[in-house]
C-alpha cells in the first residue's frame, strides 16, 4: 500500500512548520524554581523511567531510516521521493525527542536524582539495545507511532495532575504538547492511507498493530513490566486509552460501505481493553 509522495510532502510541510512555530529550548525552563524536596520516591522512579524511553531516540530514528531509506540507486523513484519527504519530518521529530531526552537528563541531575556520568552510562546500557517493530507495511509502522505518540501524550498529561514539583509539571506540559503535535501528523498520515485505499483494505492492518502493540522498550528495558505497572498506577493511566483515538479517526471516514469495517475495529478495541 503506497501513498503519493506529494501527499507526504504536504503533510510534512504542515507538521514541520507547526513545530518550528512552537519550539522551546532547555534554557526556557525556569530551573531556579526547582523544588526537589517536593518529589516523592514514585515521582523520581517515573522520571527515571521516562528518561529511558525518551533517550532511546537514536534507536527509534535508526529504525525508521532503515525502513524508509534515502540512499541507494536500486530505490524506485516514487519510493525515494516518499521517503525523502518523510525524512524531513523525521529530522524535526528527532530534534523534539532529543530535546526531551536532554531536558529529562538535566532534570535528573539538577534534582539530585543522578550524577551526569552515572546517568550517561545507565542510559547507554539500554540505549545500545536495538529497537524494532514487527510490521511489514508502512501504514502499520505509522499506526504504531500514532498510538504510541497519543499514549505518551496522555501519560504526560495525567502524570502532571499528581505531581507537585513545579519544574517537573512544566516539563510534562511541554512534552505533552510536543507529543500531541507528533500524534497529529501521524493521524493525518494514517487518514490519508484510509482515504486512498479504503477502510476494508486498511482496517486489517490497523487491527494487526493494535493486536500486537507494546510500548517502546517493553521487550528490552530491564524491569520494564514492573516499572510500567508502577507508572500506570501512579497516574491512573492505561495506554489502551490511546486506541480510542484510532477508532475516532476511522469513524471520520465511515460511509455506508465502510460501516462494517468501522464497527469491526471498534469491537476489536473493546475486546482488547477488556483483557
C-alpha atoms as a PDB file:
ATOM      1  CA  UNK A   1       0.000   0.000   0.000  1.00  0.00           C
ATOM      2  CA  UNK A   2       1.647   3.206  -1.200  1.00  0.00           C
ATOM      3  CA  UNK A   3       0.877   6.872  -0.855  1.00  0.00           C
ATOM      4  CA  UNK A   4       1.579   9.683  -3.293  1.00  0.00           C
ATOM      5  CA  UNK A   5       4.880  11.407  -2.358  1.00  0.00           C
ATOM      6  CA  UNK A   6       3.150  14.762  -2.885  1.00  0.00           C
ATOM      7  CA  UNK A   7       0.759  13.905  -0.065  1.00  0.00           C
ATOM      8  CA  UNK A   8       3.681  13.161   2.257  1.00  0.00           C
ATOM      9  CA  UNK A   9       5.297  16.417   1.137  1.00  0.00           C
ATOM     10  CA  UNK A  10       2.232  18.433   2.146  1.00  0.00           C
ATOM     11  CA  UNK A  11       1.727  16.636   5.452  1.00  0.00           C
ATOM     12  CA  UNK A  12       5.390  17.022   6.348  1.00  0.00           C
ATOM     13  CA  UNK A  13       5.451  20.718   5.475  1.00  0.00           C
ATOM     14  CA  UNK A  14       2.451  21.366   7.713  1.00  0.00           C
ATOM     15  CA  UNK A  15       3.908  19.415  10.627  1.00  0.00           C
ATOM     16  CA  UNK A  16       7.422  20.847  10.373  1.00  0.00           C
ATOM     17  CA  UNK A  17       6.188  24.416  10.074  1.00  0.00           C
ATOM     18  CA  UNK A  18       3.871  23.999  13.046  1.00  0.00           C
ATOM     19  CA  UNK A  19       6.727  22.563  15.065  1.00  0.00           C
ATOM     20  CA  UNK A  20       9.027  25.440  14.146  1.00  0.00           C
ATOM     21  CA  UNK A  21       6.452  27.940  15.400  1.00  0.00           C
ATOM     22  CA  UNK A  22       6.127  26.132  18.730  1.00  0.00           C
ATOM     23  CA  UNK A  23       9.738  25.394  19.560  1.00  0.00           C
ATOM     24  CA  UNK A  24      11.146  25.734  23.061  1.00  0.00           C
ATOM     25  CA  UNK A  25      14.607  25.188  24.499  1.00  0.00           C
ATOM     26  CA  UNK A  26      16.077  23.803  27.689  1.00  0.00           C
ATOM     27  CA  UNK A  27      17.046  27.360  28.595  1.00  0.00           C
ATOM     28  CA  UNK A  28      13.375  28.384  28.555  1.00  0.00           C
ATOM     29  CA  UNK A  29      12.814  26.230  31.645  1.00  0.00           C
ATOM     30  CA  UNK A  30      12.912  28.089  34.971  1.00  0.00           C
ATOM     31  CA  UNK A  31      15.464  25.853  36.634  1.00  0.00           C
ATOM     32  CA  UNK A  32      15.709  28.201  39.623  1.00  0.00           C
ATOM     33  CA  UNK A  33      12.145  27.197  40.506  1.00  0.00           C
ATOM     34  CA  UNK A  34      13.153  23.550  41.020  1.00  0.00           C
ATOM     35  CA  UNK A  35      11.983  22.130  44.349  1.00  0.00           C
ATOM     36  CA  UNK A  36      13.383  18.581  44.584  1.00  0.00           C
ATOM     37  CA  UNK A  37      12.027  18.242  48.117  1.00  0.00           C
ATOM     38  CA  UNK A  38       8.561  18.084  46.565  1.00  0.00           C
ATOM     39  CA  UNK A  39       9.407  14.890  44.682  1.00  0.00           C
ATOM     40  CA  UNK A  40       8.101  11.610  46.021  1.00  0.00           C
ATOM     41  CA  UNK A  41      10.012   8.358  45.564  1.00  0.00           C
ATOM     42  CA  UNK A  42       7.430   7.397  42.978  1.00  0.00           C
ATOM     43  CA  UNK A  43       7.907  10.691  41.104  1.00  0.00           C
ATOM     44  CA  UNK A  44      11.635  10.013  40.968  1.00  0.00           C
ATOM     45  CA  UNK A  45      11.091   6.475  39.715  1.00  0.00           C
ATOM     46  CA  UNK A  46       8.753   7.659  36.961  1.00  0.00           C
ATOM     47  CA  UNK A  47      11.206  10.361  35.859  1.00  0.00           C
ATOM     48  CA  UNK A  48      13.934   7.737  35.545  1.00  0.00           C
ATOM     49  CA  UNK A  49      11.578   5.501  33.550  1.00  0.00           C
ATOM     50  CA  UNK A  50      10.502   8.159  31.041  1.00  0.00           C
ATOM     51  CA  UNK A  51      14.104   9.293  30.625  1.00  0.00           C
ATOM     52  CA  UNK A  52      14.990   5.801  29.395  1.00  0.00           C
ATOM     53  CA  UNK A  53      12.084   5.917  26.943  1.00  0.00           C
ATOM     54  CA  UNK A  54      12.878   9.362  25.566  1.00  0.00           C
ATOM     55  CA  UNK A  55      16.631   8.809  25.477  1.00  0.00           C
ATOM     56  CA  UNK A  56      16.254   5.891  23.061  1.00  0.00           C
ATOM     57  CA  UNK A  57      15.754   8.338  20.175  1.00  0.00           C
ATOM     58  CA  UNK A  58      18.907   7.122  18.330  1.00  0.00           C
ATOM     59  CA  UNK A  59      17.371   3.643  18.212  1.00  0.00           C
ATOM     60  CA  UNK A  60      13.960   4.876  17.070  1.00  0.00           C
ATOM     61  CA  UNK A  61      15.441   7.120  14.394  1.00  0.00           C
ATOM     62  CA  UNK A  62      17.750   4.374  13.114  1.00  0.00           C
ATOM     63  CA  UNK A  63      14.794   2.027  12.757  1.00  0.00           C
ATOM     64  CA  UNK A  64      12.767   4.472  10.652  1.00  0.00           C
ATOM     65  CA  UNK A  65      15.744   5.424   8.487  1.00  0.00           C
ATOM     66  CA  UNK A  66      16.316   1.723   7.795  1.00  0.00           C
ATOM     67  CA  UNK A  67      12.655   1.171   6.955  1.00  0.00           C
ATOM     68  CA  UNK A  68      12.383   4.274   4.758  1.00  0.00           C
ATOM     69  CA  UNK A  69      15.863   4.562   3.186  1.00  0.00           C
ATOM     70  CA  UNK A  70      17.010   7.663   1.347  1.00  0.00           C
ATOM     71  CA  UNK A  71      20.019   6.273  -0.433  1.00  0.00           C
ATOM     72  CA  UNK A  72      20.637   3.565  -2.990  1.00  0.00           C
ATOM     73  CA  UNK A  73      20.203   3.635  -6.758  1.00  0.00           C
ATOM     74  CA  UNK A  74      18.108   0.484  -6.544  1.00  0.00           C
ATOM     75  CA  UNK A  75      15.316   2.509  -4.914  1.00  0.00           C
ATOM     76  CA  UNK A  76      12.267   3.161  -7.025  1.00  0.00           C
ATOM     77  CA  UNK A  77      11.971   6.913  -7.708  1.00  0.00           C
ATOM     78  CA  UNK A  78       8.475   7.086  -6.209  1.00  0.00           C
ATOM     79  CA  UNK A  79       9.626   5.273  -3.083  1.00  0.00           C
ATOM     80  CA  UNK A  80      12.647   7.546  -2.756  1.00  0.00           C
ATOM     81  CA  UNK A  81      10.515  10.670  -3.122  1.00  0.00           C
ATOM     82  CA  UNK A  82       8.105   9.412  -0.462  1.00  0.00           C
ATOM     83  CA  UNK A  83      10.956   8.509   1.902  1.00  0.00           C
ATOM     84  CA  UNK A  84      12.733  11.801   1.239  1.00  0.00           C
ATOM     85  CA  UNK A  85       9.665  13.795   2.235  1.00  0.00           C
ATOM     86  CA  UNK A  86       9.161  11.655   5.338  1.00  0.00           C
ATOM     87  CA  UNK A  87      12.825  12.233   6.190  1.00  0.00           C
ATOM     88  CA  UNK A  88      12.074  15.946   6.616  1.00  0.00           C
ATOM     89  CA  UNK A  89       9.561  15.117   9.320  1.00  0.00           C
ATOM     90  CA  UNK A  90      11.822  12.520  10.944  1.00  0.00           C
ATOM     91  CA  UNK A  91      14.606  15.048  11.432  1.00  0.00           C
ATOM     92  CA  UNK A  92      12.256  17.591  13.013  1.00  0.00           C
ATOM     93  CA  UNK A  93      10.685  14.854  15.165  1.00  0.00           C
ATOM     94  CA  UNK A  94      14.081  13.560  16.243  1.00  0.00           C
ATOM     95  CA  UNK A  95      15.079  17.090  17.285  1.00  0.00           C
ATOM     96  CA  UNK A  96      11.996  17.278  19.510  1.00  0.00           C
ATOM     97  CA  UNK A  97      12.655  13.882  21.034  1.00  0.00           C
ATOM     98  CA  UNK A  98      16.329  14.619  21.587  1.00  0.00           C
ATOM     99  CA  UNK A  99      15.291  17.771  23.442  1.00  0.00           C
ATOM    100  CA  UNK A 100      13.001  15.635  25.599  1.00  0.00           C
ATOM    101  CA  UNK A 101      15.876  13.298  26.407  1.00  0.00           C
ATOM    102  CA  UNK A 102      18.228  16.187  27.157  1.00  0.00           C
ATOM    103  CA  UNK A 103      15.805  18.077  29.379  1.00  0.00           C
ATOM    104  CA  UNK A 104      14.921  14.970  31.381  1.00  0.00           C
ATOM    105  CA  UNK A 105      18.604  14.169  31.760  1.00  0.00           C
ATOM    106  CA  UNK A 106      19.255  17.699  33.027  1.00  0.00           C
ATOM    107  CA  UNK A 107      16.283  17.419  35.345  1.00  0.00           C
ATOM    108  CA  UNK A 108      17.661  14.251  36.922  1.00  0.00           C
ATOM    109  CA  UNK A 109      20.998  15.928  37.528  1.00  0.00           C
ATOM    110  CA  UNK A 110      19.587  19.231  38.800  1.00  0.00           C
ATOM    111  CA  UNK A 111      17.135  17.425  41.100  1.00  0.00           C
ATOM    112  CA  UNK A 112      19.888  15.223  42.537  1.00  0.00           C
ATOM    113  CA  UNK A 113      18.356  12.029  41.181  1.00  0.00           C
ATOM    114  CA  UNK A 114      21.572  11.012  39.440  1.00  0.00           C
ATOM    115  CA  UNK A 115      25.044  12.271  38.567  1.00  0.00           C
ATOM    116  CA  UNK A 116      25.969  13.151  34.970  1.00  0.00           C
ATOM    117  CA  UNK A 117      28.496  10.353  34.470  1.00  0.00           C
ATOM    118  CA  UNK A 118      26.449   7.654  36.182  1.00  0.00           C
ATOM    119  CA  UNK A 119      23.356   8.643  34.238  1.00  0.00           C
ATOM    120  CA  UNK A 120      25.215   8.671  30.926  1.00  0.00           C
ATOM    121  CA  UNK A 121      26.327   5.083  31.461  1.00  0.00           C
ATOM    122  CA  UNK A 122      22.959   3.965  32.806  1.00  0.00           C
ATOM    123  CA  UNK A 123      21.226   5.291  29.699  1.00  0.00           C
ATOM    124  CA  UNK A 124      23.906   3.808  27.443  1.00  0.00           C
ATOM    125  CA  UNK A 125      23.276   0.338  28.850  1.00  0.00           C
ATOM    126  CA  UNK A 126      19.736   0.464  27.471  1.00  0.00           C
ATOM    127  CA  UNK A 127      20.345   2.831  24.582  1.00  0.00           C
ATOM    128  CA  UNK A 128      22.671   0.450  22.776  1.00  0.00           C
ATOM    129  CA  UNK A 129      19.905  -2.154  22.505  1.00  0.00           C
ATOM    130  CA  UNK A 130      18.188  -2.415  19.120  1.00  0.00           C
ATOM    131  CA  UNK A 131      14.669  -1.105  18.588  1.00  0.00           C
ATOM    132  CA  UNK A 132      12.446  -2.777  16.007  1.00  0.00           C
ATOM    133  CA  UNK A 133       8.801  -3.257  15.112  1.00  0.00           C
ATOM    134  CA  UNK A 134       7.229  -6.455  13.718  1.00  0.00           C
ATOM    135  CA  UNK A 135       5.451  -4.806  10.774  1.00  0.00           C
ATOM    136  CA  UNK A 136       5.783  -5.190   7.010  1.00  0.00           C
ATOM    137  CA  UNK A 137       3.690  -2.311   5.692  1.00  0.00           C
ATOM    138  CA  UNK A 138       4.331   1.430   6.105  1.00  0.00           C
ATOM    139  CA  UNK A 139       0.791   2.097   7.309  1.00  0.00           C
ATOM    140  CA  UNK A 140       1.403  -0.328  10.176  1.00  0.00           C
ATOM    141  CA  UNK A 141       4.565   1.469  11.306  1.00  0.00           C
ATOM    142  CA  UNK A 142       2.715   4.777  11.072  1.00  0.00           C
ATOM    143  CA  UNK A 143      -0.258   3.402  13.002  1.00  0.00           C
ATOM    144  CA  UNK A 144       2.036   2.086  15.731  1.00  0.00           C
ATOM    145  CA  UNK A 145       3.625   5.516  16.072  1.00  0.00           C
ATOM    146  CA  UNK A 146       0.233   7.248  16.061  1.00  0.00           C
ATOM    147  CA  UNK A 147      -0.862   5.151  19.044  1.00  0.00           C
ATOM    148  CA  UNK A 148       2.478   5.458  20.824  1.00  0.00           C
ATOM    149  CA  UNK A 149       2.560   9.252  20.499  1.00  0.00           C
ATOM    150  CA  UNK A 150      -1.021   9.574  21.763  1.00  0.00           C
ATOM    151  CA  UNK A 151      -0.354   7.190  24.655  1.00  0.00           C
ATOM    152  CA  UNK A 152       2.727   9.173  25.662  1.00  0.00           C
ATOM    153  CA  UNK A 153       0.828  12.454  25.432  1.00  0.00           C
ATOM    154  CA  UNK A 154      -1.962  11.102  27.632  1.00  0.00           C
ATOM    155  CA  UNK A 155       0.505   9.784  30.192  1.00  0.00           C
ATOM    156  CA  UNK A 156       2.351  13.097  30.500  1.00  0.00           C
ATOM    157  CA  UNK A 157      -0.940  14.925  30.917  1.00  0.00           C
ATOM    158  CA  UNK A 158      -2.164  12.535  33.581  1.00  0.00           C
ATOM    159  CA  UNK A 159       1.149  12.320  35.450  1.00  0.00           C
ATOM    160  CA  UNK A 160       1.165  16.105  35.646  1.00  0.00           C
ATOM    161  CA  UNK A 161      -2.059  16.018  37.672  1.00  0.00           C
ATOM    162  CA  UNK A 162      -0.380  14.118  40.532  1.00  0.00           C
ATOM    163  CA  UNK A 163       2.989  15.905  40.542  1.00  0.00           C
ATOM    164  CA  UNK A 164       3.606  18.882  42.830  1.00  0.00           C
ATOM    165  CA  UNK A 165       7.203  19.756  41.878  1.00  0.00           C
ATOM    166  CA  UNK A 166       6.796  22.894  39.695  1.00  0.00           C
ATOM    167  CA  UNK A 167       9.580  22.370  37.159  1.00  0.00           C
ATOM    168  CA  UNK A 168       8.544  18.782  36.516  1.00  0.00           C
ATOM    169  CA  UNK A 169       4.957  19.939  35.996  1.00  0.00           C
ATOM    170  CA  UNK A 170       6.209  22.483  33.464  1.00  0.00           C
ATOM    171  CA  UNK A 171       8.288  19.861  31.652  1.00  0.00           C
ATOM    172  CA  UNK A 172       5.419  17.402  31.470  1.00  0.00           C
ATOM    173  CA  UNK A 173       3.237  20.097  29.922  1.00  0.00           C
ATOM    174  CA  UNK A 174       5.892  20.911  27.316  1.00  0.00           C
ATOM    175  CA  UNK A 175       6.469  17.259  26.479  1.00  0.00           C
ATOM    176  CA  UNK A 176       2.749  16.557  26.163  1.00  0.00           C
ATOM    177  CA  UNK A 177       2.313  19.440  23.703  1.00  0.00           C
ATOM    178  CA  UNK A 178       5.132  18.105  21.525  1.00  0.00           C
ATOM    179  CA  UNK A 179       3.697  14.585  21.566  1.00  0.00           C
ATOM    180  CA  UNK A 180       0.303  15.981  20.600  1.00  0.00           C
ATOM    181  CA  UNK A 181       1.871  17.580  17.511  1.00  0.00           C
ATOM    182  CA  UNK A 182       3.550  14.318  16.564  1.00  0.00           C
ATOM    183  CA  UNK A 183       0.273  12.464  17.008  1.00  0.00           C
ATOM    184  CA  UNK A 184      -1.483  14.969  14.738  1.00  0.00           C
ATOM    185  CA  UNK A 185       0.998  14.278  11.944  1.00  0.00           C
ATOM    186  CA  UNK A 186       0.592  10.504  12.144  1.00  0.00           C
ATOM    187  CA  UNK A 187      -3.163  10.812  12.480  1.00  0.00           C
ATOM    188  CA  UNK A 188      -3.282  12.815   9.256  1.00  0.00           C
ATOM    189  CA  UNK A 189      -0.913  10.372   7.581  1.00  0.00           C
ATOM    190  CA  UNK A 190      -2.899   7.271   8.501  1.00  0.00           C
ATOM    191  CA  UNK A 191      -6.019   9.139   7.477  1.00  0.00           C
ATOM    192  CA  UNK A 192      -4.562   9.582   4.003  1.00  0.00           C
ATOM    193  CA  UNK A 193      -3.988   5.827   3.737  1.00  0.00           C
ATOM    194  CA  UNK A 194      -7.598   5.198   4.697  1.00  0.00           C
ATOM    195  CA  UNK A 195      -8.817   7.780   2.207  1.00  0.00           C
ATOM    196  CA  UNK A 196      -6.761   6.351  -0.636  1.00  0.00           C
ATOM    197  CA  UNK A 197      -7.153   2.629  -0.017  1.00  0.00           C
ATOM    198  CA  UNK A 198     -10.479   2.466   1.803  1.00  0.00           C
ATOM    199  CA  UNK A 199     -11.473   1.077   5.179  1.00  0.00           C
ATOM    200  CA  UNK A 200     -11.860  -2.524   4.026  1.00  0.00           C
ATOM    201  CA  UNK A 201      -8.236  -2.621   2.854  1.00  0.00           C
ATOM    202  CA  UNK A 202      -6.762  -0.612   5.742  1.00  0.00           C
ATOM    203  CA  UNK A 203      -8.568  -1.796   8.873  1.00  0.00           C
ATOM    204  CA  UNK A 204      -6.923  -5.281   8.889  1.00  0.00           C
ATOM    205  CA  UNK A 205      -3.505  -3.587   9.112  1.00  0.00           C
ATOM    206  CA  UNK A 206      -4.747  -1.326  11.920  1.00  0.00           C
ATOM    207  CA  UNK A 207      -6.108  -4.313  13.827  1.00  0.00           C
ATOM    208  CA  UNK A 208      -2.813  -6.152  13.422  1.00  0.00           C
ATOM    209  CA  UNK A 209      -0.991  -3.232  15.061  1.00  0.00           C
ATOM    210  CA  UNK A 210      -3.430  -2.947  17.948  1.00  0.00           C
ATOM    211  CA  UNK A 211      -3.387  -6.693  18.484  1.00  0.00           C
ATOM    212  CA  UNK A 212       0.398  -6.750  18.861  1.00  0.00           C
ATOM    213  CA  UNK A 213       1.017  -3.280  20.314  1.00  0.00           C
ATOM    214  CA  UNK A 214       3.641  -2.822  23.012  1.00  0.00           C
ATOM    215  CA  UNK A 215       5.019   0.477  24.218  1.00  0.00           C
ATOM    216  CA  UNK A 216       8.662   1.239  23.240  1.00  0.00           C
ATOM    217  CA  UNK A 217      11.340  -0.759  25.084  1.00  0.00           C
ATOM    218  CA  UNK A 218       8.776  -3.187  26.500  1.00  0.00           C
ATOM    219  CA  UNK A 219      10.945  -6.100  25.362  1.00  0.00           C
ATOM    220  CA  UNK A 220      14.362  -4.627  26.095  1.00  0.00           C
ATOM    221  CA  UNK A 221      14.303  -2.341  29.152  1.00  0.00           C
ATOM    222  CA  UNK A 222      15.304  -4.232  32.297  1.00  0.00           C
ATOM    223  CA  UNK A 223      12.361  -4.450  34.704  1.00  0.00           C
ATOM    224  CA  UNK A 224      10.035  -2.818  32.190  1.00  0.00           C
ATOM    225  CA  UNK A 225       6.807  -4.545  33.194  1.00  0.00           C
ATOM    226  CA  UNK A 226       7.210  -3.981  36.929  1.00  0.00           C
ATOM    227  CA  UNK A 227       8.183  -0.384  36.254  1.00  0.00           C
ATOM    228  CA  UNK A 228       5.360   0.246  33.797  1.00  0.00           C
ATOM    229  CA  UNK A 229       2.760  -1.028  36.267  1.00  0.00           C
ATOM    230  CA  UNK A 230       4.073   1.383  38.870  1.00  0.00           C
ATOM    231  CA  UNK A 231       3.945   4.197  36.309  1.00  0.00           C
ATOM    232  CA  UNK A 232       0.374   3.312  35.352  1.00  0.00           C
ATOM    233  CA  UNK A 233      -0.776   3.151  38.968  1.00  0.00           C
ATOM    234  CA  UNK A 234       0.838   6.482  39.778  1.00  0.00           C
ATOM    235  CA  UNK A 235      -1.112   8.423  37.184  1.00  0.00           C
ATOM    236  CA  UNK A 236      -4.179   6.220  36.862  1.00  0.00           C
ATOM    237  CA  UNK A 237      -3.075   5.595  33.306  1.00  0.00           C
ATOM    238  CA  UNK A 238      -3.893   2.918  30.727  1.00  0.00           C
ATOM    239  CA  UNK A 239      -2.086   3.090  27.388  1.00  0.00           C
ATOM    240  CA  UNK A 240      -5.019   1.385  25.653  1.00  0.00           C
ATOM    241  CA  UNK A 241      -6.918   4.652  26.071  1.00  0.00           C
ATOM    242  CA  UNK A 242      -4.903   5.771  23.059  1.00  0.00           C
ATOM    243  CA  UNK A 243      -6.605   3.121  20.919  1.00  0.00           C
ATOM    244  CA  UNK A 244      -9.777   5.181  21.017  1.00  0.00           C
ATOM    245  CA  UNK A 245      -8.055   7.904  19.018  1.00  0.00           C
ATOM    246  CA  UNK A 246      -7.602   5.443  16.166  1.00  0.00           C
ATOM    247  CA  UNK A 247     -11.253   4.394  16.349  1.00  0.00           C
ATOM    248  CA  UNK A 248     -12.319   8.052  16.187  1.00  0.00           C
ATOM    249  CA  UNK A 249     -10.077   8.575  13.176  1.00  0.00           C
ATOM    250  CA  UNK A 250     -11.597   5.618  11.352  1.00  0.00           C
ATOM    251  CA  UNK A 251     -15.119   6.740  12.198  1.00  0.00           C
ATOM    252  CA  UNK A 252     -14.391  10.003  10.415  1.00  0.00           C
ATOM    253  CA  UNK A 253     -14.132   8.055   7.153  1.00  0.00           C
ATOM    254  CA  UNK A 254     -17.209   5.927   7.668  1.00  0.00           C
ATOM    255  CA  UNK A 255     -19.709   5.682   4.854  1.00  0.00           C
ATOM    256  CA  UNK A 256     -22.423   3.116   4.343  1.00  0.00           C
ATOM    257  CA  UNK A 257     -19.890   0.889   2.568  1.00  0.00           C
ATOM    258  CA  UNK A 258     -17.346   1.221   5.369  1.00  0.00           C
ATOM    259  CA  UNK A 259     -19.638   0.893   8.369  1.00  0.00           C
ATOM    260  CA  UNK A 260     -18.893  -2.812   8.834  1.00  0.00           C
ATOM    261  CA  UNK A 261     -15.137  -2.219   8.948  1.00  0.00           C
ATOM    262  CA  UNK A 262     -15.530   0.624  11.427  1.00  0.00           C
ATOM    263  CA  UNK A 263     -17.746  -1.430  13.708  1.00  0.00           C
ATOM    264  CA  UNK A 264     -15.315  -4.336  13.453  1.00  0.00           C
ATOM    265  CA  UNK A 265     -12.401  -2.157  14.594  1.00  0.00           C
ATOM    266  CA  UNK A 266     -14.389  -0.627  17.449  1.00  0.00           C
ATOM    267  CA  UNK A 267     -15.448  -4.069  18.663  1.00  0.00           C
ATOM    268  CA  UNK A 268     -11.877  -5.316  18.358  1.00  0.00           C
ATOM    269  CA  UNK A 269     -10.605  -2.422  20.504  1.00  0.00           C
ATOM    270  CA  UNK A 270     -13.288  -3.026  23.133  1.00  0.00           C
ATOM    271  CA  UNK A 271     -12.229  -6.660  23.437  1.00  0.00           C
ATOM    272  CA  UNK A 272      -8.550  -5.718  23.787  1.00  0.00           C
ATOM    273  CA  UNK A 273      -9.315  -3.200  26.526  1.00  0.00           C
ATOM    274  CA  UNK A 274     -11.339  -5.780  28.461  1.00  0.00           C
ATOM    275  CA  UNK A 275      -8.429  -8.214  28.665  1.00  0.00           C
END
